[in-house]
Amino acid sequence: METFFKIFAAVFALLFGYAIVVQFNDPDALQWILIYLVAAVASVLFIFKKLKTSIYFVLTIFFLVLFFMYWPESYEGVQLDQGMKTVNIEEGRESLGSLIAAVVMMVYGFRTRFLNKSKV
């Protein structure tokens, strides 16, 4: 099971890294590069067991706040193949990216909590 979670974290570290790379044409690129960098670094640190459970839950709350902040007024989908037609599509992408990061951080938090309790 330990191997599964390490692979899971490595895949998400790569996916968050990819999200960083594709921000180059985003209007608020620096902000989202930093946000996805936090998620990528947390994924790498999860592999090496370097963060406390509470940090992952704080990150979960952070990404959930972003999810709600960026949820568009009118959801039009994410339409990956057509570029950014409207602000609602861009906000939908940002919001869903934040939700994915929140879920991943929650998985990390519960996994580290489970591991810490099983060692007692």
PDB file of N, CA and C in Angstrom:
ATOM      1  N   MET A   1       0.814  -1.194   0.000  1.00  0.00           N
ATOM      2  CA  MET A   1       0.000   0.000   0.000  1.00  0.00           C
ATOM      3  C   MET A   1       0.861   1.263   0.000  1.00  0.00           C
ATOM      4  N   GLU A   2       1.999   1.164   0.668  1.00  0.00           N
ATOM      5  CA  GLU A   2       2.925   2.303   0.723  1.00  0.00           C
ATOM      6  C   GLU A   2       3.388   2.689  -0.679  1.00  0.00           C
ATOM      7  N   THR A   3       3.676   1.681  -1.502  1.00  0.00           N
ATOM      8  CA  THR A   3       4.116   1.932  -2.878  1.00  0.00           C
ATOM      9  C   THR A   3       3.033   2.633  -3.675  1.00  0.00           C
ATOM     10  N   PHE A   4       1.787   2.232  -3.479  1.00  0.00           N
ATOM     11  CA  PHE A   4       0.676   2.872  -4.189  1.00  0.00           C
ATOM     12  C   PHE A   4       0.651   4.368  -3.905  1.00  0.00           C
ATOM     13  N   PHE A   5       0.757   4.742  -2.633  1.00  0.00           N
ATOM     14  CA  PHE A   5       0.674   6.156  -2.279  1.00  0.00           C
ATOM     15  C   PHE A   5       1.893   6.939  -2.773  1.00  0.00           C
ATOM     16  N   LYS A   6       3.030   6.308  -2.823  1.00  0.00           N
ATOM     17  CA  LYS A   6       4.212   6.994  -3.375  1.00  0.00           C
ATOM     18  C   LYS A   6       4.033   7.231  -4.876  1.00  0.00           C
ATOM     19  N   ILE A   7       3.502   6.240  -5.580  1.00  0.00           N
ATOM     20  CA  ILE A   7       3.238   6.411  -7.015  1.00  0.00           C
ATOM     21  C   ILE A   7       2.162   7.467  -7.227  1.00  0.00           C
ATOM     22  N   PHE A   8       1.114   7.412  -6.413  1.00  0.00           N
ATOM     23  CA  PHE A   8       0.038   8.401  -6.462  1.00  0.00           C
ATOM     24  C   PHE A   8       0.598   9.820  -6.311  1.00  0.00           C
ATOM     25  N   ALA A   9       1.450  10.006  -5.313  1.00  0.00           N
ATOM     26  CA  ALA A   9       2.039  11.327  -5.053  1.00  0.00           C
ATOM     27  C   ALA A   9       2.975  11.743  -6.183  1.00  0.00           C
ATOM     28  N   ALA A  10       3.732  10.798  -6.719  1.00  0.00           N
ATOM     29  CA  ALA A  10       4.642  11.118  -7.829  1.00  0.00           C
ATOM     30  C   ALA A  10       3.857  11.537  -9.069  1.00  0.00           C
ATOM     31  N   VAL A  11       2.761  10.835  -9.340  1.00  0.00           N
ATOM     32  CA  VAL A  11       1.923  11.197 -10.494  1.00  0.00           C
ATOM     33  C   VAL A  11       1.354  12.597 -10.309  1.00  0.00           C
ATOM     34  N   PHE A  12       0.870  12.894  -9.107  1.00  0.00           N
ATOM     35  CA  PHE A  12       0.307  14.232  -8.889  1.00  0.00           C
ATOM     36  C   PHE A  12       1.389  15.308  -8.847  1.00  0.00           C
ATOM     37  N   ALA A  13       2.572  14.978  -8.394  1.00  0.00           N
ATOM     38  CA  ALA A  13       3.671  15.952  -8.462  1.00  0.00           C
ATOM     39  C   ALA A  13       3.933  16.304  -9.926  1.00  0.00           C
ATOM     40  N   LEU A  14       3.931  15.292 -10.792  1.00  0.00           N
ATOM     41  CA  LEU A  14       4.131  15.532 -12.231  1.00  0.00           C
ATOM     42  C   LEU A  14       2.960  16.310 -12.834  1.00  0.00           C
ATOM     43  N   LEU A  15       1.738  15.958 -12.448  1.00  0.00           N
ATOM     44  CA  LEU A  15       0.576  16.674 -12.974  1.00  0.00           C
ATOM     45  C   LEU A  15       0.550  18.133 -12.528  1.00  0.00           C
ATOM     46  N   PHE A  16       0.878  18.379 -11.271  1.00  0.00           N
ATOM     47  CA  PHE A  16       0.948  19.763 -10.803  1.00  0.00           C
ATOM     48  C   PHE A  16       2.103  20.497 -11.493  1.00  0.00           C
ATOM     49  N   GLY A  17       3.197  19.789 -11.748  1.00  0.00           N
ATOM     50  CA  GLY A  17       4.303  20.372 -12.507  1.00  0.00           C
ATOM     51  C   GLY A  17       3.867  20.741 -13.920  1.00  0.00           C
ATOM     52  N   TYR A  18       3.088  19.863 -14.543  1.00  0.00           N
ATOM     53  CA  TYR A  18       2.552  20.154 -15.877  1.00  0.00           C
ATOM     54  C   TYR A  18       1.639  21.376 -15.825  1.00  0.00           C
ATOM     55  N   ALA A  19       0.824  21.462 -14.773  1.00  0.00           N
ATOM     56  CA  ALA A  19      -0.064  22.618 -14.621  1.00  0.00           C
ATOM     57  C   ALA A  19       0.742  23.912 -14.516  1.00  0.00           C
ATOM     58  N   ILE A  20       1.896  23.835 -13.889  1.00  0.00           N
ATOM     59  CA  ILE A  20       2.782  25.008 -13.807  1.00  0.00           C
ATOM     60  C   ILE A  20       3.255  25.411 -15.198  1.00  0.00           C
ATOM     61  N   VAL A  21       3.664  24.436 -15.984  1.00  0.00           N
ATOM     62  CA  VAL A  21       4.219  24.700 -17.318  1.00  0.00           C
ATOM     63  C   VAL A  21       3.189  25.343 -18.243  1.00  0.00           C
ATOM     64  N   VAL A  22       1.932  24.904 -18.162  1.00  0.00           N
ATOM     65  CA  VAL A  22       0.924  25.414 -19.095  1.00  0.00           C
ATOM     66  C   VAL A  22       0.326  26.762 -18.671  1.00  0.00           C
ATOM     67  N   GLN A  23       0.834  27.347 -17.613  1.00  0.00           N
ATOM     68  CA  GLN A  23       0.330  28.639 -17.157  1.00  0.00           C
ATOM     69  C   GLN A  23       0.909  29.818 -17.944  1.00  0.00           C
ATOM     70  N   PHE A  24       1.836  29.569 -18.856  1.00  0.00           N
ATOM     71  CA  PHE A  24       2.552  30.665 -19.519  1.00  0.00           C
ATOM     72  C   PHE A  24       1.638  31.667 -20.212  1.00  0.00           C
ATOM     73  N   ASN A  25       0.480  31.249 -20.707  1.00  0.00           N
ATOM     74  CA  ASN A  25      -0.400  32.177 -21.416  1.00  0.00           C
ATOM     75  C   ASN A  25      -1.594  32.624 -20.569  1.00  0.00           C
ATOM     76  N   ASP A  26      -1.550  32.325 -19.300  1.00  0.00           N
ATOM     77  CA  ASP A  26      -2.641  32.692 -18.400  1.00  0.00           C
ATOM     78  C   ASP A  26      -2.503  34.161 -18.002  1.00  0.00           C
ATOM     79  N   PRO A  27      -3.620  34.880 -17.896  1.00  0.00           N
ATOM     80  CA  PRO A  27      -3.548  36.293 -17.498  1.00  0.00           C
ATOM     81  C   PRO A  27      -2.937  36.501 -16.103  1.00  0.00           C
ATOM     82  N   ASP A  28      -3.173  35.560 -15.199  1.00  0.00           N
ATOM     83  CA  ASP A  28      -2.612  35.656 -13.850  1.00  0.00           C
ATOM     84  C   ASP A  28      -1.652  34.483 -13.615  1.00  0.00           C
ATOM     85  N   ALA A  29      -0.711  34.351 -14.524  1.00  0.00           N
ATOM     86  CA  ALA A  29       0.187  33.194 -14.545  1.00  0.00           C
ATOM     87  C   ALA A  29       0.991  33.023 -13.263  1.00  0.00           C
ATOM     88  N   LEU A  30       1.597  34.076 -12.772  1.00  0.00           N
ATOM     89  CA  LEU A  30       2.463  33.951 -11.595  1.00  0.00           C
ATOM     90  C   LEU A  30       1.695  33.414 -10.392  1.00  0.00           C
ATOM     91  N   GLN A  31       0.502  33.907 -10.193  1.00  0.00           N
ATOM     92  CA  GLN A  31      -0.323  33.450  -9.073  1.00  0.00           C
ATOM     93  C   GLN A  31      -0.565  31.941  -9.169  1.00  0.00           C
ATOM     94  N   TRP A  32      -0.949  31.453 -10.346  1.00  0.00           N
ATOM     95  CA  TRP A  32      -1.266  30.032 -10.494  1.00  0.00           C
ATOM     96  C   TRP A  32      -0.025  29.164 -10.539  1.00  0.00           C
ATOM     97  N   ILE A  33       1.073  29.707 -11.008  1.00  0.00           N
ATOM     98  CA  ILE A  33       2.338  28.969 -10.937  1.00  0.00           C
ATOM     99  C   ILE A  33       2.692  28.716  -9.477  1.00  0.00           C
ATOM    100  N   LEU A  34       2.561  29.728  -8.647  1.00  0.00           N
ATOM    101  CA  LEU A  34       2.869  29.578  -7.220  1.00  0.00           C
ATOM    102  C   LEU A  34       1.899  28.616  -6.531  1.00  0.00           C
ATOM    103  N   ILE A  35       0.625  28.701  -6.885  1.00  0.00           N
ATOM    104  CA  ILE A  35      -0.378  27.817  -6.278  1.00  0.00           C
ATOM    105  C   ILE A  35      -0.081  26.362  -6.625  1.00  0.00           C
ATOM    106  N   TYR A  36       0.164  26.089  -7.895  1.00  0.00           N
ATOM    107  CA  TYR A  36       0.456  24.704  -8.299  1.00  0.00           C
ATOM    108  C   TYR A  36       1.838  24.259  -7.815  1.00  0.00           C
ATOM    109  N   LEU A  37       2.742  25.203  -7.632  1.00  0.00           N
ATOM    110  CA  LEU A  37       4.050  24.862  -7.070  1.00  0.00           C
ATOM    111  C   LEU A  37       3.894  24.364  -5.630  1.00  0.00           C
ATOM    112  N   VAL A  38       3.031  24.998  -4.871  1.00  0.00           N
ATOM    113  CA  VAL A  38       2.757  24.543  -3.499  1.00  0.00           C
ATOM    114  C   VAL A  38       2.246  23.105  -3.524  1.00  0.00           C
ATOM    115  N   ALA A  39       1.315  22.818  -4.431  1.00  0.00           N
ATOM    116  CA  ALA A  39       0.763  21.463  -4.524  1.00  0.00           C
ATOM    117  C   ALA A  39       1.827  20.456  -4.963  1.00  0.00           C
ATOM    118  N   ALA A  40       2.677  20.842  -5.906  1.00  0.00           N
ATOM    119  CA  ALA A  40       3.730  19.939  -6.382  1.00  0.00           C
ATOM    120  C   ALA A  40       4.751  19.662  -5.281  1.00  0.00           C
ATOM    121  N   VAL A  41       5.151  20.701  -4.559  1.00  0.00           N
ATOM    122  CA  VAL A  41       6.120  20.532  -3.476  1.00  0.00           C
ATOM    123  C   VAL A  41       5.517  19.671  -2.362  1.00  0.00           C
ATOM    124  N   ALA A  42       4.258  19.906  -2.033  1.00  0.00           N
ATOM    125  CA  ALA A  42       3.598  19.092  -1.004  1.00  0.00           C
ATOM    126  C   ALA A  42       3.548  17.626  -1.435  1.00  0.00           C
ATOM    127  N   SER A  43       3.359  17.376  -2.714  1.00  0.00           N
ATOM    128  CA  SER A  43       3.340  15.997  -3.223  1.00  0.00           C
ATOM    129  C   SER A  43       4.701  15.336  -3.065  1.00  0.00           C
ATOM    130  N   VAL A  44       5.749  16.072  -3.388  1.00  0.00           N
ATOM    131  CA  VAL A  44       7.108  15.529  -3.231  1.00  0.00           C
ATOM    132  C   VAL A  44       7.422  15.300  -1.761  1.00  0.00           C
ATOM    133  N   LEU A  45       7.047  16.244  -0.918  1.00  0.00           N
ATOM    134  CA  LEU A  45       7.305  16.091   0.515  1.00  0.00           C
ATOM    135  C   LEU A  45       6.505  14.935   1.115  1.00  0.00           C
ATOM    136  N   PHE A  46       5.339  14.651   0.552  1.00  0.00           N
ATOM    137  CA  PHE A  46       4.556  13.497   0.998  1.00  0.00           C
ATOM    138  C   PHE A  46       5.325  12.198   0.742  1.00  0.00           C
ATOM    139  N   ILE A  47       5.960  12.119  -0.419  1.00  0.00           N
ATOM    140  CA  ILE A  47       6.734  10.918  -0.761  1.00  0.00           C
ATOM    141  C   ILE A  47       7.814  10.667   0.282  1.00  0.00           C
ATOM    142  N   PHE A  48       8.457  11.735   0.726  1.00  0.00           N
ATOM    143  CA  PHE A  48       9.560  11.613   1.683  1.00  0.00           C
ATOM    144  C   PHE A  48       9.121  11.768   3.145  1.00  0.00           C
ATOM    145  N   LYS A  49       7.802  11.860   3.364  1.00  0.00           N
ATOM    146  CA  LYS A  49       7.222  11.951   4.715  1.00  0.00           C
ATOM    147  C   LYS A  49       7.816  13.114   5.515  1.00  0.00           C
ATOM    148  N   LYS A  50       7.846  14.280   4.902  1.00  0.00           N
ATOM    149  CA  LYS A  50       8.467  15.448   5.528  1.00  0.00           C
ATOM    150  C   LYS A  50       7.486  16.478   6.074  1.00  0.00           C
ATOM    151  N   LEU A  51       6.183  16.293   5.863  1.00  0.00           N
ATOM    152  CA  LEU A  51       5.214  17.260   6.377  1.00  0.00           C
ATOM    153  C   LEU A  51       4.300  16.601   7.402  1.00  0.00           C
ATOM    154  N   LYS A  52       3.828  17.415   8.325  1.00  0.00           N
ATOM    155  CA  LYS A  52       2.890  16.929   9.336  1.00  0.00           C
ATOM    156  C   LYS A  52       1.480  16.847   8.753  1.00  0.00           C
ATOM    157  N   THR A  53       0.685  16.016   9.370  1.00  0.00           N
ATOM    158  CA  THR A  53      -0.705  15.844   8.943  1.00  0.00           C
ATOM    159  C   THR A  53      -1.443  17.175   8.915  1.00  0.00           C
ATOM    160  N   SER A  54      -1.231  17.994   9.911  1.00  0.00           N
ATOM    161  CA  SER A  54      -1.955  19.268  10.007  1.00  0.00           C
ATOM    162  C   SER A  54      -1.668  20.175   8.810  1.00  0.00           C
ATOM    163  N   ILE A  55      -0.466  20.123   8.278  1.00  0.00           N
ATOM    164  CA  ILE A  55      -0.128  20.954   7.115  1.00  0.00           C
ATOM    165  C   ILE A  55      -0.972  20.549   5.908  1.00  0.00           C
ATOM    166  N   TYR A  56      -1.152  19.244   5.726  1.00  0.00           N
ATOM    167  CA  TYR A  56      -1.973  18.784   4.598  1.00  0.00           C
ATOM    168  C   TYR A  56      -3.424  19.232   4.749  1.00  0.00           C
ATOM    169  N   PHE A  57      -3.921  19.241   5.977  1.00  0.00           N
ATOM    170  CA  PHE A  57      -5.299  19.693   6.175  1.00  0.00           C
ATOM    171  C   PHE A  57      -5.423  21.207   6.011  1.00  0.00           C
ATOM    172  N   VAL A  58      -4.405  21.954   6.386  1.00  0.00           N
ATOM    173  CA  VAL A  58      -4.397  23.399   6.132  1.00  0.00           C
ATOM    174  C   VAL A  58      -4.376  23.654   4.619  1.00  0.00           C
ATOM    175  N   LEU A  59      -3.578  22.880   3.900  1.00  0.00           N
ATOM    176  CA  LEU A  59      -3.539  23.016   2.444  1.00  0.00           C
ATOM    177  C   LEU A  59      -4.880  22.622   1.816  1.00  0.00           C
ATOM    178  N   THR A  60      -5.526  21.625   2.377  1.00  0.00           N
ATOM    179  CA  THR A  60      -6.855  21.241   1.885  1.00  0.00           C
ATOM    180  C   THR A  60      -7.810  22.416   2.012  1.00  0.00           C
ATOM    181  N   ILE A  61      -7.809  23.068   3.167  1.00  0.00           N
ATOM    182  CA  ILE A  61      -8.687  24.225   3.373  1.00  0.00           C
ATOM    183  C   ILE A  61      -8.315  25.352   2.419  1.00  0.00           C
ATOM    184  N   PHE A  62      -7.016  25.600   2.247  1.00  0.00           N
ATOM    185  CA  PHE A  62      -6.546  26.635   1.325  1.00  0.00           C
ATOM    186  C   PHE A  62      -7.082  26.394  -0.089  1.00  0.00           C
ATOM    187  N   PHE A  63      -6.938  25.164  -0.578  1.00  0.00           N
ATOM    188  CA  PHE A  63      -7.386  24.868  -1.936  1.00  0.00           C
ATOM    189  C   PHE A  63      -8.911  24.871  -2.049  1.00  0.00           C
ATOM    190  N   LEU A  64      -9.619  24.492  -0.984  1.00  0.00           N
ATOM    191  CA  LEU A  64     -11.085  24.583  -1.005  1.00  0.00           C
ATOM    192  C   LEU A  64     -11.545  26.035  -1.052  1.00  0.00           C
ATOM    193  N   VAL A  65     -10.852  26.905  -0.326  1.00  0.00           N
ATOM    194  CA  VAL A  65     -11.178  28.338  -0.385  1.00  0.00           C
ATOM    195  C   VAL A  65     -10.971  28.847  -1.810  1.00  0.00           C
ATOM    196  N   LEU A  66      -9.879  28.461  -2.434  1.00  0.00           N
ATOM    197  CA  LEU A  66      -9.649  28.863  -3.830  1.00  0.00           C
ATOM    198  C   LEU A  66     -10.748  28.329  -4.746  1.00  0.00           C
ATOM    199  N   PHE A  67     -11.157  27.087  -4.503  1.00  0.00           N
ATOM    200  CA  PHE A  67     -12.222  26.489  -5.305  1.00  0.00           C
ATOM    201  C   PHE A  67     -13.477  27.357  -5.275  1.00  0.00           C
ATOM    202  N   PHE A  68     -13.880  27.764  -4.075  1.00  0.00           N
ATOM    203  CA  PHE A  68     -15.090  28.581  -3.951  1.00  0.00           C
ATOM    204  C   PHE A  68     -14.874  30.003  -4.451  1.00  0.00           C
ATOM    205  N   MET A  69     -13.685  30.544  -4.248  1.00  0.00           N
ATOM    206  CA  MET A  69     -13.401  31.908  -4.720  1.00  0.00           C
ATOM    207  C   MET A  69     -13.456  32.015  -6.237  1.00  0.00           C
ATOM    208  N   TYR A  70     -12.963  30.991  -6.925  1.00  0.00           N
ATOM    209  CA  TYR A  70     -12.857  31.063  -8.379  1.00  0.00           C
ATOM    210  C   TYR A  70     -14.007  30.394  -9.116  1.00  0.00           C
ATOM    211  N   TRP A  71     -14.977  29.841  -8.380  1.00  0.00           N
ATOM    212  CA  TRP A  71     -16.110  29.223  -9.068  1.00  0.00           C
ATOM    213  C   TRP A  71     -16.818  30.314  -9.872  1.00  0.00           C
ATOM    214  N   PRO A  72     -17.031  30.089 -11.171  1.00  0.00           N
ATOM    215  CA  PRO A  72     -17.602  31.145 -12.022  1.00  0.00           C
ATOM    216  C   PRO A  72     -19.067  31.421 -11.697  1.00  0.00           C
ATOM    217  N   GLU A  73     -19.480  32.627 -12.042  1.00  0.00           N
ATOM    218  CA  GLU A  73     -20.877  32.996 -11.840  1.00  0.00           C
ATOM    219  C   GLU A  73     -21.806  32.109 -12.652  1.00  0.00           C
ATOM    220  N   SER A  74     -21.358  31.773 -13.847  1.00  0.00           N
ATOM    221  CA  SER A  74     -22.127  30.899 -14.729  1.00  0.00           C
ATOM    222  C   SER A  74     -21.185  29.823 -15.255  1.00  0.00           C
ATOM    223  N   TYR A  75     -21.374  28.602 -14.801  1.00  0.00           N
ATOM    224  CA  TYR A  75     -20.470  27.518 -15.191  1.00  0.00           C
ATOM    225  C   TYR A  75     -20.733  27.122 -16.638  1.00  0.00           C
ATOM    226  N   GLU A  76     -19.678  27.201 -17.468  1.00  0.00           N
ATOM    227  CA  GLU A  76     -19.780  26.866 -18.887  1.00  0.00           C
ATOM    228  C   GLU A  76     -18.904  25.678 -19.254  1.00  0.00           C
ATOM    229  N   GLY A  77     -18.387  24.973 -18.272  1.00  0.00           N
ATOM    230  CA  GLY A  77     -17.501  23.848 -18.543  1.00  0.00           C
ATOM    231  C   GLY A  77     -16.053  24.297 -18.542  1.00  0.00           C
ATOM    232  N   VAL A  78     -15.168  23.402 -18.988  1.00  0.00           N
ATOM    233  CA  VAL A  78     -13.748  23.724 -19.022  1.00  0.00           C
ATOM    234  C   VAL A  78     -13.182  23.709 -20.436  1.00  0.00           C
ATOM    235  N   GLN A  79     -13.822  23.063 -21.390  1.00  0.00           N
ATOM    236  CA  GLN A  79     -13.481  23.066 -22.812  1.00  0.00           C
ATOM    237  C   GLN A  79     -11.991  23.213 -23.086  1.00  0.00           C
ATOM    238  N   LEU A  80     -11.266  22.158 -22.849  1.00  0.00           N
ATOM    239  CA  LEU A  80      -9.814  22.186 -22.986  1.00  0.00           C
ATOM    240  C   LEU A  80      -9.332  22.375 -24.419  1.00  0.00           C
ATOM    241  N   ASP A  81     -10.105  21.960 -25.390  1.00  0.00           N
ATOM    242  CA  ASP A  81      -9.643  21.990 -26.781  1.00  0.00           C
ATOM    243  C   ASP A  81      -9.876  23.320 -27.494  1.00  0.00           C
ATOM    244  N   GLN A  82     -10.593  24.237 -26.894  1.00  0.00           N
ATOM    245  CA  GLN A  82     -10.957  25.462 -27.596  1.00  0.00           C
ATOM    246  C   GLN A  82     -10.340  26.727 -27.015  1.00  0.00           C
ATOM    247  N   GLY A  83      -9.374  26.611 -26.166  1.00  0.00           N
ATOM    248  CA  GLY A  83      -8.773  27.802 -25.580  1.00  0.00           C
ATOM    249  C   GLY A  83      -9.722  28.459 -24.592  1.00  0.00           C
ATOM    250  N   MET A  84      -9.447  29.702 -24.282  1.00  0.00           N
ATOM    251  CA  MET A  84     -10.286  30.411 -23.319  1.00  0.00           C
ATOM    252  C   MET A  84     -11.255  31.315 -24.075  1.00  0.00           C
ATOM    253  N   LYS A  85     -12.484  30.836 -24.235  1.00  0.00           N
ATOM    254  CA  LYS A  85     -13.490  31.643 -24.918  1.00  0.00           C
ATOM    255  C   LYS A  85     -14.079  32.709 -24.003  1.00  0.00           C
ATOM    256  N   THR A  86     -14.294  32.335 -22.741  1.00  0.00           N
ATOM    257  CA  THR A  86     -14.899  33.284 -21.806  1.00  0.00           C
ATOM    258  C   THR A  86     -14.175  33.228 -20.462  1.00  0.00           C
ATOM    259  N   VAL A  87     -14.425  34.235 -19.651  1.00  0.00           N
ATOM    260  CA  VAL A  87     -13.864  34.275 -18.304  1.00  0.00           C
ATOM    261  C   VAL A  87     -14.440  33.128 -17.476  1.00  0.00           C
ATOM    262  N   ASN A  88     -15.691  32.769 -17.724  1.00  0.00           N
ATOM    263  CA  ASN A  88     -16.312  31.675 -16.971  1.00  0.00           C
ATOM    264  C   ASN A  88     -15.590  30.351 -17.200  1.00  0.00           C
ATOM    265  N   ILE A  89     -15.135  30.111 -18.397  1.00  0.00           N
ATOM    266  CA  ILE A  89     -14.395  28.877 -18.686  1.00  0.00           C
ATOM    267  C   ILE A  89     -13.059  28.896 -17.955  1.00  0.00           C
ATOM    268  N   GLU A  90     -12.364  30.034 -17.998  1.00  0.00           N
ATOM    269  CA  GLU A  90     -11.077  30.153 -17.299  1.00  0.00           C
ATOM    270  C   GLU A  90     -11.258  29.970 -15.796  1.00  0.00           C
ATOM    271  N   GLU A  91     -12.274  30.614 -15.231  1.00  0.00           N
ATOM    272  CA  GLU A  91     -12.530  30.466 -13.799  1.00  0.00           C
ATOM    273  C   GLU A  91     -12.962  29.043 -13.459  1.00  0.00           C
ATOM    274  N   GLY A  92     -13.687  28.405 -14.359  1.00  0.00           N
ATOM    275  CA  GLY A  92     -14.072  27.012 -14.146  1.00  0.00           C
ATOM    276  C   GLY A  92     -12.857  26.103 -14.079  1.00  0.00           C
ATOM    277  N   ARG A  93     -11.898  26.338 -14.962  1.00  0.00           N
ATOM    278  CA  ARG A  93     -10.655  25.555 -14.950  1.00  0.00           C
ATOM    279  C   ARG A  93      -9.877  25.779 -13.661  1.00  0.00           C
ATOM    280  N   GLU A  94      -9.735  27.039 -13.281  1.00  0.00           N
ATOM    281  CA  GLU A  94      -8.993  27.365 -12.057  1.00  0.00           C
ATOM    282  C   GLU A  94      -9.674  26.766 -10.831  1.00  0.00           C
ATOM    283  N   SER A  95     -10.993  26.853 -10.804  1.00  0.00           N
ATOM    284  CA  SER A  95     -11.743  26.324  -9.682  1.00  0.00           C
ATOM    285  C   SER A  95     -11.613  24.805  -9.586  1.00  0.00           C
ATOM    286  N   LEU A  96     -11.762  24.120 -10.697  1.00  0.00           N
ATOM    287  CA  LEU A  96     -11.659  22.665 -10.677  1.00  0.00           C
ATOM    288  C   LEU A  96     -10.234  22.197 -10.393  1.00  0.00           C
ATOM    289  N   GLY A  97      -9.247  22.939 -10.864  1.00  0.00           N
ATOM    290  CA  GLY A  97      -7.858  22.623 -10.514  1.00  0.00           C
ATOM    291  C   GLY A  97      -7.628  22.732  -9.024  1.00  0.00           C
ATOM    292  N   SER A  98      -8.228  23.740  -8.412  1.00  0.00           N
ATOM    293  CA  SER A  98      -8.126  23.909  -6.961  1.00  0.00           C
ATOM    294  C   SER A  98      -8.827  22.776  -6.224  1.00  0.00           C
ATOM    295  N   LEU A  99      -9.964  22.333  -6.742  1.00  0.00           N
ATOM    296  CA  LEU A  99     -10.681  21.226  -6.110  1.00  0.00           C
ATOM    297  C   LEU A  99      -9.862  19.934  -6.186  1.00  0.00           C
ATOM    298  N   ILE A 100      -9.247  19.691  -7.318  1.00  0.00           N
ATOM    299  CA  ILE A 100      -8.392  18.508  -7.457  1.00  0.00           C
ATOM    300  C   ILE A 100      -7.259  18.566  -6.436  1.00  0.00           C
ATOM    301  N   ALA A 101      -6.621  19.721  -6.330  1.00  0.00           N
ATOM    302  CA  ALA A 101      -5.529  19.877  -5.366  1.00  0.00           C
ATOM    303  C   ALA A 101      -6.040  19.677  -3.933  1.00  0.00           C
ATOM    304  N   ALA A 102      -7.236  20.166  -3.630  1.00  0.00           N
ATOM    305  CA  ALA A 102      -7.799  20.000  -2.289  1.00  0.00           C
ATOM    306  C   ALA A 102      -8.022  18.525  -1.972  1.00  0.00           C
ATOM    307  N   VAL A 103      -8.562  17.794  -2.915  1.00  0.00           N
ATOM    308  CA  VAL A 103      -8.816  16.367  -2.699  1.00  0.00           C
ATOM    309  C   VAL A 103      -7.503  15.616  -2.507  1.00  0.00           C
ATOM    310  N   VAL A 104      -6.510  15.942  -3.316  1.00  0.00           N
ATOM    311  CA  VAL A 104      -5.199  15.290  -3.194  1.00  0.00           C
ATOM    312  C   VAL A 104      -4.578  15.589  -1.836  1.00  0.00           C
ATOM    313  N   MET A 105      -4.648  16.839  -1.389  1.00  0.00           N
ATOM    314  CA  MET A 105      -4.094  17.192  -0.078  1.00  0.00           C
ATOM    315  C   MET A 105      -4.842  16.474   1.041  1.00  0.00           C
ATOM    316  N   MET A 106      -6.158  16.300   0.875  1.00  0.00           N
ATOM    317  CA  MET A 106      -6.928  15.581   1.880  1.00  0.00           C
ATOM    318  C   MET A 106      -6.502  14.106   1.929  1.00  0.00           C
ATOM    319  N   VAL A 107      -6.256  13.515   0.773  1.00  0.00           N
ATOM    320  CA  VAL A 107      -5.760  12.131   0.729  1.00  0.00           C
ATOM    321  C   VAL A 107      -4.427  12.047   1.462  1.00  0.00           C
ATOM    322  N   TYR A 108      -3.538  12.971   1.185  1.00  0.00           N
ATOM    323  CA  TYR A 108      -2.237  12.984   1.877  1.00  0.00           C
ATOM    324  C   TYR A 108      -2.432  13.121   3.388  1.00  0.00           C
ATOM    325  N   GLY A 109      -3.331  14.012   3.789  1.00  0.00           N
ATOM    326  CA  GLY A 109      -3.568  14.237   5.214  1.00  0.00           C
ATOM    327  C   GLY A 109      -4.096  12.993   5.914  1.00  0.00           C
ATOM    328  N   PHE A 110      -5.092  12.351   5.314  1.00  0.00           N
ATOM    329  CA  PHE A 110      -5.638  11.142   5.926  1.00  0.00           C
ATOM    330  C   PHE A 110      -4.622  10.003   5.930  1.00  0.00           C
ATOM    331  N   ARG A 111      -3.833   9.919   4.875  1.00  0.00           N
ATOM    332  CA  ARG A 111      -2.813   8.859   4.831  1.00  0.00           C
ATOM    333  C   ARG A 111      -1.753   9.073   5.913  1.00  0.00           C
ATOM    334  N   THR A 112      -1.264  10.291   6.058  1.00  0.00           N
ATOM    335  CA  THR A 112      -0.253  10.529   7.091  1.00  0.00           C
ATOM    336  C   THR A 112      -0.853  10.359   8.484  1.00  0.00           C
ATOM    337  N   ARG A 113      -2.109  10.744   8.654  1.00  0.00           N
ATOM    338  CA  ARG A 113      -2.762  10.547   9.952  1.00  0.00           C
ATOM    339  C   ARG A 113      -2.909   9.065  10.259  1.00  0.00           C
ATOM    340  N   PHE A 114      -3.300   8.286   9.265  1.00  0.00           N
ATOM    341  CA  PHE A 114      -3.440   6.848   9.448  1.00  0.00           C
ATOM    342  C   PHE A 114      -2.095   6.213   9.799  1.00  0.00           C
ATOM    343  N   LEU A 115      -1.043   6.630   9.100  1.00  0.00           N
ATOM    344  CA  LEU A 115       0.282   6.075   9.370  1.00  0.00           C
ATOM    345  C   LEU A 115       0.759   6.453  10.774  1.00  0.00           C
ATOM    346  N   ASN A 116       0.514   7.683  11.182  1.00  0.00           N
ATOM    347  CA  ASN A 116       0.950   8.126  12.511  1.00  0.00           C
ATOM    348  C   ASN A 116       0.189   7.391  13.617  1.00  0.00           C
ATOM    349  N   LYS A 117      -1.102   7.123  13.406  1.00  0.00           N
ATOM    350  CA  LYS A 117      -1.879   6.404  14.416  1.00  0.00           C
ATOM    351  C   LYS A 117      -1.489   4.935  14.485  1.00  0.00           C
ATOM    352  N   SER A 118      -1.112   4.340  13.352  1.00  0.00           N
ATOM    353  CA  SER A 118      -0.779   2.919  13.340  1.00  0.00           C
ATOM    354  C   SER A 118       0.589   2.649  13.984  1.00  0.00           C
ATOM    355  N   LYS A 119       1.414   3.685  14.124  1.00  0.00           N
ATOM    356  CA  LYS A 119       2.744   3.521  14.749  1.00  0.00           C
ATOM    357  C   LYS A 119       2.680   3.591  16.267  1.00  0.00           C
ATOM    358  N   VAL A 120       1.549   4.048  16.789  1.00  0.00           N
ATOM    359  CA  VAL A 120       1.428   4.214  18.236  1.00  0.00           C
ATOM    360  C   VAL A 120       1.246   2.884  18.928  1.00  0.00           C
TER     361      VAL A 120
END
